Protein backbone atom coordinates (compact mmCIF):
# COMPACT_ATOMS: atom_id res chain seq x y z
CA MET A 1 -7.13 -22.85 -23.32
CA LEU A 2 -3.79 -22.03 -24.98
CA GLU A 3 -4.18 -18.35 -24.10
CA SER A 4 -4.64 -19.14 -20.41
CA ILE A 5 -1.55 -21.41 -20.34
CA ILE A 6 0.48 -18.61 -21.92
CA GLY A 7 -0.96 -16.20 -19.37
CA LEU A 8 -0.03 -18.49 -16.46
CA GLY A 9 3.51 -18.73 -17.81
CA ALA A 10 3.65 -14.95 -18.12
CA VAL A 11 2.59 -14.53 -14.46
CA LEU A 12 5.30 -16.95 -13.32
CA VAL A 13 7.95 -15.14 -15.36
CA LEU A 14 6.90 -11.73 -14.01
CA VAL A 15 6.94 -13.01 -10.43
CA PHE A 16 10.41 -14.49 -10.89
CA LEU A 17 11.48 -11.08 -12.22
CA ARG A 18 10.41 -9.65 -8.83
CA MET A 19 7.21 -7.99 -9.99
CA PRO A 20 4.65 -7.91 -7.14
CA ILE A 21 2.16 -10.75 -7.49
CA ALA A 22 -0.81 -8.35 -7.43
CA ILE A 23 0.50 -6.37 -10.41
CA ALA A 24 1.60 -9.51 -12.27
CA MET A 25 -1.79 -11.23 -12.04
CA GLY A 26 -3.73 -8.04 -12.65
CA LEU A 27 -1.65 -7.08 -15.71
CA VAL A 28 -1.83 -10.53 -17.29
CA GLY A 29 -5.54 -10.79 -16.49
CA PHE A 30 -6.23 -7.39 -18.04
CA ILE A 31 -4.21 -8.04 -21.21
CA GLY A 32 -5.57 -11.57 -21.62
CA TYR A 33 -9.17 -10.43 -21.17
CA MET A 34 -8.52 -7.62 -23.66
CA GLU A 35 -7.23 -10.11 -26.24
CA LEU A 36 -10.42 -12.16 -25.90
CA ARG A 37 -13.06 -9.45 -25.46
CA GLY A 38 -11.49 -6.12 -26.41
CA PHE A 39 -10.15 -3.10 -24.54
CA ARG A 40 -13.50 -1.64 -23.45
CA ALA A 41 -14.68 -4.92 -21.94
CA SER A 42 -11.35 -5.44 -20.19
CA ILE A 43 -11.17 -1.95 -18.65
CA SER A 44 -14.81 -2.30 -17.59
CA MET A 45 -14.06 -5.66 -15.93
CA LEU A 46 -11.09 -4.23 -14.01
CA GLY A 47 -12.99 -1.13 -12.92
CA ARG A 48 -15.92 -3.22 -11.73
CA LEU A 49 -13.58 -5.43 -9.70
CA ILE A 50 -12.00 -2.43 -7.97
CA ILE A 51 -15.36 -0.86 -7.12
CA ASP A 52 -16.92 -4.15 -5.98
CA THR A 53 -13.94 -4.99 -3.79
CA ALA A 54 -13.99 -1.59 -2.11
CA GLN A 55 -17.75 -1.80 -1.48
CA ASP A 56 -18.06 -5.48 -0.53
CA TYR A 57 -19.37 -5.76 3.04
CA GLY A 58 -18.11 -9.33 3.33
CA LEU A 59 -14.52 -8.19 2.79
CA SER A 60 -14.66 -6.04 5.92
CA VAL A 61 -13.90 -9.22 7.86
CA VAL A 62 -10.29 -9.00 6.59
CA PRO A 63 -9.24 -5.66 8.17
CA LEU A 64 -11.15 -6.49 11.36
CA PHE A 65 -9.28 -9.76 11.91
CA ILE A 66 -6.01 -8.03 11.06
CA LEU A 67 -6.82 -5.30 13.58
CA MET A 68 -7.65 -7.93 16.20
CA GLY A 69 -4.34 -9.67 15.63
CA LEU A 70 -2.37 -6.44 15.96
CA PHE A 71 -4.10 -5.48 19.21
CA VAL A 72 -3.43 -8.98 20.53
CA SER A 73 0.25 -8.61 19.65
CA ARG A 74 0.43 -5.31 21.53
CA GLY A 75 -1.50 -6.66 24.53
CA GLY A 76 1.18 -9.01 25.82
CA LEU A 77 -1.02 -12.11 25.49
CA ALA A 78 1.78 -14.11 23.84
CA GLY A 79 3.86 -13.95 27.02
CA GLU A 80 1.02 -15.25 29.15
CA LEU A 81 0.38 -18.15 26.80
CA TYR A 82 4.04 -19.07 26.82
CA ARG A 83 4.26 -18.97 30.63
CA ALA A 84 1.19 -21.19 30.96
CA SER A 85 2.57 -23.70 28.45
CA TYR A 86 5.99 -23.63 30.10
CA ALA A 87 4.45 -24.30 33.53
CA PHE A 88 3.17 -27.69 32.31
CA LEU A 89 5.83 -28.71 29.76
CA GLY A 90 9.03 -26.88 30.65
CA HIS A 91 10.42 -29.56 33.01
CA MET A 92 10.59 -32.15 30.19
CA ARG A 93 13.53 -32.58 27.83
CA GLY A 94 12.62 -30.39 24.88
CA GLY A 95 9.78 -29.02 27.00
CA LEU A 96 10.47 -25.36 26.24
CA ALA A 97 10.23 -26.07 22.51
CA MET A 98 6.98 -27.96 23.14
CA ALA A 99 5.68 -25.07 25.22
CA THR A 100 6.54 -22.73 22.36
CA ILE A 101 4.47 -24.80 19.91
CA VAL A 102 1.48 -24.97 22.27
CA ALA A 103 1.73 -21.22 22.90
CA CYS A 104 1.92 -20.59 19.14
CA ALA A 105 -1.29 -22.61 18.70
CA GLY A 106 -3.06 -20.57 21.38
CA PHE A 107 -1.77 -17.29 20.00
CA SER A 108 -2.85 -18.34 16.49
CA ALA A 109 -6.39 -18.80 17.75
CA ILE A 110 -6.65 -15.08 18.51
CA CYS A 111 -4.23 -13.69 15.93
CA GLY A 112 -4.85 -15.49 12.62
CA SER A 113 -1.50 -14.58 11.08
CA SER A 114 1.43 -16.96 10.70
CA LEU A 115 4.04 -14.23 10.30
CA ALA A 116 2.77 -12.28 13.32
CA THR A 117 2.75 -15.47 15.42
CA ALA A 118 6.34 -16.34 14.48
CA ALA A 119 7.63 -12.80 14.99
CA THR A 120 5.88 -12.34 18.35
CA MET A 121 6.76 -15.74 19.82
CA SER A 122 10.41 -15.37 18.80
CA LYS A 123 10.68 -12.37 21.13
CA VAL A 124 9.00 -14.26 23.99
CA ALA A 125 10.40 -17.80 23.70
CA MET A 126 13.87 -17.40 22.20
CA PRO A 127 15.50 -15.73 25.26
CA GLU A 128 14.12 -18.43 27.59
CA MET A 129 15.34 -21.31 25.43
CA ARG A 130 18.78 -19.76 25.19
CA ARG A 131 18.85 -19.27 28.96
CA PHE A 132 18.38 -23.02 29.44
CA GLY A 133 21.00 -23.91 26.83
CA TYR A 134 18.79 -24.95 23.93
CA LYS A 135 20.56 -25.24 20.60
CA ASP A 136 19.54 -22.56 18.11
CA ARG A 137 18.59 -25.25 15.64
CA LEU A 138 15.73 -26.53 17.79
CA SER A 139 14.77 -23.15 19.27
CA THR A 140 14.28 -21.38 15.95
CA ALA A 141 12.69 -24.41 14.30
CA SER A 142 10.01 -24.74 16.98
CA ILE A 143 9.11 -21.05 16.60
CA ALA A 144 9.07 -21.14 12.78
CA ALA A 145 7.01 -24.34 12.67
CA GLY A 146 4.66 -23.30 15.47
CA GLY A 147 4.05 -20.03 13.66
CA THR A 148 2.61 -21.85 10.65
CA LEU A 149 -0.40 -22.80 12.78
CA GLY A 150 -1.52 -19.16 12.52
CA ILE A 151 -3.03 -19.67 9.08
CA LEU A 152 -5.05 -22.78 9.98
CA ILE A 153 -6.41 -22.51 13.53
CA PRO A 154 -9.44 -20.19 13.41
CA PRO A 155 -9.80 -17.30 12.98
CA SER A 156 -7.52 -17.41 9.95
CA VAL A 157 -7.12 -14.60 7.43
CA ILE A 158 -6.02 -16.97 4.69
CA LEU A 159 -9.14 -19.14 5.20
CA VAL A 160 -11.21 -15.97 4.90
CA ILE A 161 -9.51 -15.15 1.60
CA TYR A 162 -10.03 -18.71 0.32
CA GLY A 163 -13.70 -18.49 1.29
CA LEU A 164 -14.11 -15.18 -0.53
CA LEU A 165 -12.31 -16.45 -3.64
CA THR A 166 -14.38 -19.62 -3.89
CA GLU A 167 -17.66 -18.47 -2.27
CA THR A 168 -17.26 -21.18 0.39
CA SER A 169 -18.75 -20.75 3.88
CA ILE A 170 -16.17 -19.07 6.12
CA GLY A 171 -17.91 -20.54 9.17
CA LYS A 172 -17.50 -24.06 7.82
CA LEU A 173 -13.86 -23.41 6.96
CA PHE A 174 -13.13 -22.14 10.47
CA ILE A 175 -14.65 -25.12 12.25
CA ALA A 176 -13.05 -27.53 9.76
CA GLY A 177 -9.59 -26.17 10.64
CA ILE A 178 -9.78 -27.17 14.32
CA VAL A 179 -9.02 -30.92 14.05
CA PRO A 180 -6.19 -30.49 11.49
CA GLY A 181 -4.80 -27.69 13.68
CA VAL A 182 -4.79 -29.86 16.82
CA LEU A 183 -3.30 -32.73 14.79
CA GLY A 184 -0.56 -30.35 13.64
CA VAL A 185 0.25 -29.41 17.24
CA LEU A 186 0.51 -33.07 18.30
CA LEU A 187 2.75 -33.99 15.37
CA TYR A 188 5.00 -30.98 16.02
CA LEU A 189 5.39 -32.21 19.62
CA VAL A 190 6.41 -35.58 18.19
CA ALA A 191 8.98 -33.79 15.99
CA VAL A 192 10.45 -32.07 19.05
CA ARG A 193 10.59 -35.37 20.90
CA PHE A 194 12.33 -37.00 17.95
CA THR A 195 14.89 -34.18 17.82
CA VAL A 196 15.84 -34.43 21.50
CA MET A 197 15.99 -38.23 21.31
CA ARG A 198 18.60 -37.93 18.57
CA ASP A 199 20.44 -35.08 20.30
CA PRO A 200 19.67 -34.82 24.04
CA GLU A 201 21.78 -31.67 24.31
CA ALA A 202 19.53 -29.84 21.84
CA GLY A 203 16.78 -29.35 24.43
CA PRO A 204 17.78 -29.69 28.10
CA ALA A 205 15.02 -29.95 30.67
CA GLY A 206 13.95 -26.73 32.39
CA GLU A 207 12.74 -26.09 35.92
CA ARG A 208 9.68 -27.90 37.26
CA THR A 209 6.82 -25.55 38.13
CA PRO A 210 4.93 -26.40 41.36
CA LEU A 211 1.16 -26.92 41.31
CA ALA A 212 0.47 -23.45 42.70
CA GLY A 213 2.54 -21.91 39.91
CA ARG A 214 0.69 -23.92 37.28
CA LEU A 215 -2.67 -22.78 38.57
CA ALA A 216 -1.47 -19.17 38.66
CA ALA A 217 -0.25 -19.47 35.04
CA LEU A 218 -3.63 -20.83 33.99
CA ARG A 219 -5.40 -17.90 35.62
CA GLU A 220 -3.28 -15.52 33.53
CA VAL A 221 -4.67 -16.81 30.23
CA TRP A 222 -8.29 -15.94 30.98
CA ALA A 223 -8.18 -13.08 28.47
CA VAL A 224 -7.06 -15.42 25.67
CA LEU A 225 -9.80 -17.93 26.45
CA LEU A 226 -12.41 -15.20 26.74
CA LEU A 227 -11.49 -13.64 23.40
CA PHE A 228 -11.42 -16.99 21.59
CA PHE A 229 -14.75 -18.01 23.13
CA LEU A 230 -16.29 -14.66 22.19
CA VAL A 231 -15.27 -14.90 18.53
CA ILE A 232 -15.73 -18.62 17.86
CA GLY A 233 -18.60 -19.10 20.31
CA GLY A 234 -20.53 -16.21 18.82
CA LEU A 235 -19.85 -17.41 15.29
CA TYR A 236 -21.33 -20.85 15.96
CA GLY A 237 -24.19 -19.86 18.25
CA VAL A 238 -22.64 -21.17 21.47
CA LEU A 239 -23.47 -17.84 23.11
CA ASN A 240 -27.06 -17.97 21.90
CA VAL A 241 -28.61 -18.56 25.33
CA TRP A 242 -32.13 -17.31 26.10
CA PRO A 243 -32.98 -14.48 26.45
CA ILE A 244 -29.83 -13.15 24.78
CA ASN A 245 -29.08 -13.86 21.12
CA LEU A 246 -25.35 -13.55 20.49
CA THR A 247 -24.99 -15.37 17.18
CA PHE A 248 -22.57 -13.48 14.92
CA SER A 249 -21.88 -13.43 11.23
CA PRO A 250 -18.16 -13.73 10.34
CA THR A 251 -17.93 -9.95 9.96
CA GLU A 252 -19.67 -9.34 13.29
CA ALA A 253 -17.43 -11.93 14.97
CA ALA A 254 -14.36 -10.17 13.61
CA GLY A 255 -15.69 -6.83 14.87
CA MET A 256 -16.34 -8.26 18.33
CA GLY A 257 -12.87 -9.81 18.35
CA ALA A 258 -11.21 -6.54 17.37
CA ALA A 259 -13.17 -4.64 20.04
CA GLY A 260 -12.36 -7.28 22.67
CA ALA A 261 -8.66 -7.29 21.82
CA PHE A 262 -8.61 -3.48 21.99
CA LEU A 263 -10.25 -3.45 25.44
CA ILE A 264 -7.90 -6.14 26.77
CA ALA A 265 -4.80 -4.35 25.51
CA LEU A 266 -6.14 -1.03 26.82
CA SER A 267 -6.89 -2.47 30.28
CA ARG A 268 -3.29 -3.67 30.55
CA GLY A 269 -1.78 -0.33 29.74
CA SER A 270 -0.27 -1.65 26.50
CA LEU A 271 -1.80 1.08 24.35
CA ASP A 272 -1.27 4.78 24.12
CA PHE A 273 -2.43 7.20 21.44
CA ARG A 274 0.71 6.75 19.35
CA THR A 275 0.47 2.93 19.48
CA ILE A 276 -3.20 2.99 18.49
CA VAL A 277 -2.40 5.19 15.49
CA GLN A 278 0.43 2.84 14.48
CA VAL A 279 -1.90 -0.17 14.73
CA LEU A 280 -4.54 1.53 12.59
CA ILE A 281 -1.97 2.57 9.97
CA GLU A 282 -0.49 -0.95 9.83
CA THR A 283 -3.99 -2.42 9.51
CA ALA A 284 -4.78 -0.08 6.61
CA GLN A 285 -1.48 -0.87 4.87
CA THR A 286 -1.89 -4.64 5.23
CA THR A 287 -5.53 -4.51 4.13
CA ALA A 288 -4.69 -2.39 1.08
CA ALA A 289 -1.97 -4.84 0.07
CA LEU A 290 -4.31 -7.82 0.47
CA PHE A 291 -7.09 -6.11 -1.47
CA ALA A 292 -4.69 -5.30 -4.28
CA VAL A 293 -3.70 -8.96 -4.46
CA LEU A 294 -7.36 -10.00 -4.40
CA ILE A 295 -8.22 -7.66 -7.27
CA GLY A 296 -5.29 -9.00 -9.28
CA ALA A 297 -6.32 -12.60 -8.52
CA TRP A 298 -9.92 -11.99 -9.57
CA ALA A 299 -8.79 -10.31 -12.80
CA PHE A 300 -6.56 -13.28 -13.58
CA SER A 301 -9.36 -15.69 -12.63
CA ASN A 302 -11.79 -13.96 -15.01
CA PHE A 303 -9.26 -14.31 -17.81
CA VAL A 304 -8.46 -18.02 -17.28
CA ASN A 305 -12.14 -18.87 -16.89
CA LEU A 306 -13.01 -16.98 -20.07
CA ALA A 307 -10.15 -18.72 -21.89
CA GLY A 308 -11.51 -22.10 -20.79
CA LEU A 309 -8.60 -23.39 -18.71
CA PRO A 310 -10.65 -25.15 -15.97
CA GLU A 311 -12.90 -26.83 -18.55
CA GLY A 312 -9.86 -27.77 -20.63
CA LEU A 313 -8.12 -29.33 -17.63
CA LYS A 314 -11.23 -31.31 -16.75
CA ALA A 315 -11.54 -32.55 -20.34
CA MET A 316 -7.87 -33.61 -20.31
CA VAL A 317 -8.35 -35.49 -17.05
CA THR A 318 -11.48 -37.21 -18.36
CA SER A 319 -9.86 -38.24 -21.65
CA ALA A 320 -6.77 -39.54 -19.83
CA GLY A 321 -8.93 -41.78 -17.65
CA LEU A 322 -7.27 -40.62 -14.41
CA SER A 323 -9.07 -41.26 -11.15
CA PRO A 324 -10.07 -38.22 -9.04
CA MET A 325 -7.61 -39.16 -6.28
CA THR A 326 -4.74 -39.44 -8.80
CA VAL A 327 -5.57 -35.95 -10.04
CA MET A 328 -5.68 -34.65 -6.46
CA LEU A 329 -2.26 -36.15 -5.69
CA MET A 330 -0.85 -34.48 -8.82
CA ILE A 331 -2.31 -31.13 -7.72
CA LEU A 332 -0.81 -31.50 -4.24
CA LEU A 333 2.57 -32.35 -5.75
CA ILE A 334 2.37 -29.12 -7.78
CA TYR A 335 1.58 -27.22 -4.57
CA VAL A 336 4.57 -28.72 -2.76
CA ILE A 337 6.88 -27.76 -5.65
CA LEU A 338 5.44 -24.24 -5.93
CA GLY A 339 5.78 -23.83 -2.17
CA CYS A 340 9.56 -24.04 -2.53
CA VAL A 341 9.63 -20.85 -4.61
CA PHE A 342 6.40 -18.93 -3.82
CA GLU A 343 5.21 -17.39 -0.58
CA SER A 344 1.95 -18.79 0.73
CA LEU A 345 -0.64 -16.14 -0.19
CA SER A 346 0.75 -15.71 -3.72
CA MET A 347 0.61 -19.46 -4.28
CA LEU A 348 -2.97 -19.65 -3.02
CA LEU A 349 -4.26 -16.77 -5.13
CA LEU A 350 -2.46 -17.93 -8.26
CA THR A 351 -3.60 -21.56 -8.16
CA VAL A 352 -7.06 -21.64 -6.59
CA PRO A 353 -8.81 -19.99 -9.59
CA ILE A 354 -7.30 -22.71 -11.78
CA PHE A 355 -7.67 -25.80 -9.60
CA PHE A 356 -10.89 -25.09 -7.67
CA PRO A 357 -13.33 -25.64 -10.61
CA LEU A 358 -11.46 -28.83 -11.53
CA VAL A 359 -11.45 -30.17 -7.97
CA THR A 360 -15.14 -29.48 -7.32
CA GLY A 361 -16.02 -30.85 -10.75
CA LEU A 362 -14.35 -34.12 -9.75
CA GLY A 363 -16.60 -34.33 -6.70
CA PHE A 364 -14.28 -33.16 -3.92
CA ASP A 365 -15.72 -31.08 -1.09
CA PRO A 366 -14.69 -27.37 -1.33
CA VAL A 367 -14.27 -27.11 2.46
CA TRP A 368 -11.98 -30.15 2.49
CA PHE A 369 -9.97 -28.80 -0.43
CA GLY A 370 -9.60 -25.44 1.32
CA ILE A 371 -8.14 -27.01 4.46
CA VAL A 372 -5.82 -29.25 2.44
CA VAL A 373 -4.60 -26.26 0.44
CA VAL A 374 -3.91 -24.32 3.63
CA VAL A 375 -1.96 -27.28 5.08
CA VAL A 376 0.17 -27.39 1.91
CA THR A 377 0.62 -23.63 2.27
CA GLU A 378 1.79 -24.19 5.85
CA ILE A 379 4.45 -26.56 4.55
CA SER A 380 5.64 -23.89 2.12
CA LEU A 381 6.22 -21.48 5.02
CA ILE A 382 9.11 -23.58 6.36
CA THR A 383 10.53 -25.26 3.24
CA PRO A 384 13.64 -23.94 1.45
CA PRO A 385 14.46 -21.83 -0.43
CA VAL A 386 11.51 -19.49 0.28
CA GLY A 387 10.24 -20.44 3.73
CA LEU A 388 8.73 -17.11 4.69
CA ASN A 389 8.50 -17.92 8.41
CA VAL A 390 12.19 -18.80 8.38
CA PHE A 391 13.15 -15.43 6.92
CA VAL A 392 10.86 -13.56 9.32
CA LEU A 393 12.51 -15.38 12.21
CA LYS A 394 15.96 -14.66 10.80
CA GLY A 395 15.07 -10.97 10.66
CA VAL A 396 13.96 -10.95 14.31
CA VAL A 397 16.71 -13.13 15.81
CA GLY A 398 19.50 -11.94 13.54
CA ASP A 399 22.45 -13.97 14.87
CA VAL A 400 21.25 -17.39 13.65
CA SER A 401 22.00 -18.42 10.08
CA THR A 402 19.19 -19.28 7.69
CA ALA A 403 20.83 -22.66 7.01
CA THR A 404 20.67 -23.50 10.74
CA ILE A 405 16.94 -22.75 10.85
CA PHE A 406 16.23 -24.77 7.72
CA ARG A 407 18.13 -27.76 9.13
CA GLY A 408 16.13 -27.49 12.33
CA VAL A 409 12.72 -27.42 10.64
CA THR A 410 13.32 -30.61 8.62
CA PRO A 411 11.53 -32.93 11.13
CA PHE A 412 8.65 -30.47 11.29
CA TRP A 413 7.89 -30.37 7.59
CA ILE A 414 8.26 -34.15 7.46
CA VAL A 415 5.45 -34.54 10.03
CA ASP A 416 3.52 -31.93 8.05
CA ILE A 417 3.70 -34.26 5.03
CA ILE A 418 2.38 -37.06 7.27
CA ARG A 419 -0.49 -34.84 8.41
CA LEU A 420 -1.29 -33.92 4.80
CA ALA A 421 -1.41 -37.61 3.87
CA LEU A 422 -3.80 -38.33 6.75
CA LEU A 423 -6.14 -35.49 5.74
CA VAL A 424 -6.18 -36.68 2.12
CA LEU A 425 -6.75 -40.33 2.99
CA ILE A 426 -9.25 -39.66 5.81
CA PRO A 427 -11.40 -36.66 4.73
CA SER A 428 -13.62 -37.06 7.81
CA LEU A 429 -10.80 -35.54 9.89
CA VAL A 430 -11.69 -32.29 8.14
CA LEU A 431 -15.39 -32.68 7.42
CA TYR A 432 -16.79 -34.29 10.57
CA LEU A 433 -17.20 -31.04 12.56
CA PRO A 434 -18.66 -28.86 9.77
CA ASN A 435 -21.01 -31.64 8.64
CA SER A 436 -22.15 -32.18 12.23
CA MET A 437 -22.86 -28.49 12.86
CA TRP A 438 -24.67 -27.77 9.58
């Protein structure tokens, strides 16, 4: 166990020294495994991981969902979602910020990436909120917070990665993310309402859209609804109507989603040959980076498991007489602290190999733990000093200070803490849907 603790410390030091997380975990995993089993065993383990990752059919779901998200971003669907949300909410005080959050939730359902959601919606919503005199503090905060929904509302790339790391059903994880995702949207709307109650000038009311305009805006989002229904409906057998069987595996659902997003973007004239090539190159680059991180995480996981860290932690918990819920609260506190200095994917890949065996050994449901971990990861996306969504938004907007955005997101991460507490205290909020469907 001592070797694994030293290895974990070495990974943290290397990451703080700006070494990429994939190289840090892979290097420590390789050296640690070599110390325990020898050089030949360690090089064999690493080579097997690289080959298995490249040949794993299940991992093809990752590039397909990434490709789907990129085609969606190029297809102009974010603008349609925002206009539909604005038609119903824009006339209220703070309504444009609320519309932004609802649009982010809808865009997340067909994109699956928090960073892509925040970057895309900032280009759509920010000009409108400035036109109606919204303060930058509320405008940027609603985009940054709404963007975090991209990693929870299915399909979610980070849930796919968690499922692959822990061998948990991706289908169950997707359906389990729906209620927490909707709860997150509602609490973010409460945060906006709280902000404009304290400062009415932060979010002036916009123009009221007549009924005809609302119906027209709803008709514009048919492509979003169709794509979501195709992916999620096919995944859960909703489309399995005699005589046609359209039940998909996660990989098939991702392929159908990517094909559907491509056809929608193509039908709207949003794609040309150069754009398609750029999308394919960006998909390959993002996939390669994720696979590198996965290989590093698995190498590090093999090392800590061989060194006995999960068993050692469980023995310590048992000897200390701590209740399972006390241990879970301690783990969540560690996640909140790590989220202030680590970006979300790095935190997930570094900690899940250590905590997952302990958590399941204490009797917690792996699907529930996955959703809770993703919610904590969402919080890390908007908390200082390393709120990745905040820095993405700063890069897109440019003329708003990072301090202004962080001040604006404070009510949002407070309601995120409330949501996390509800999910921990009432596990059925997460588990009711997956337990009902399986």
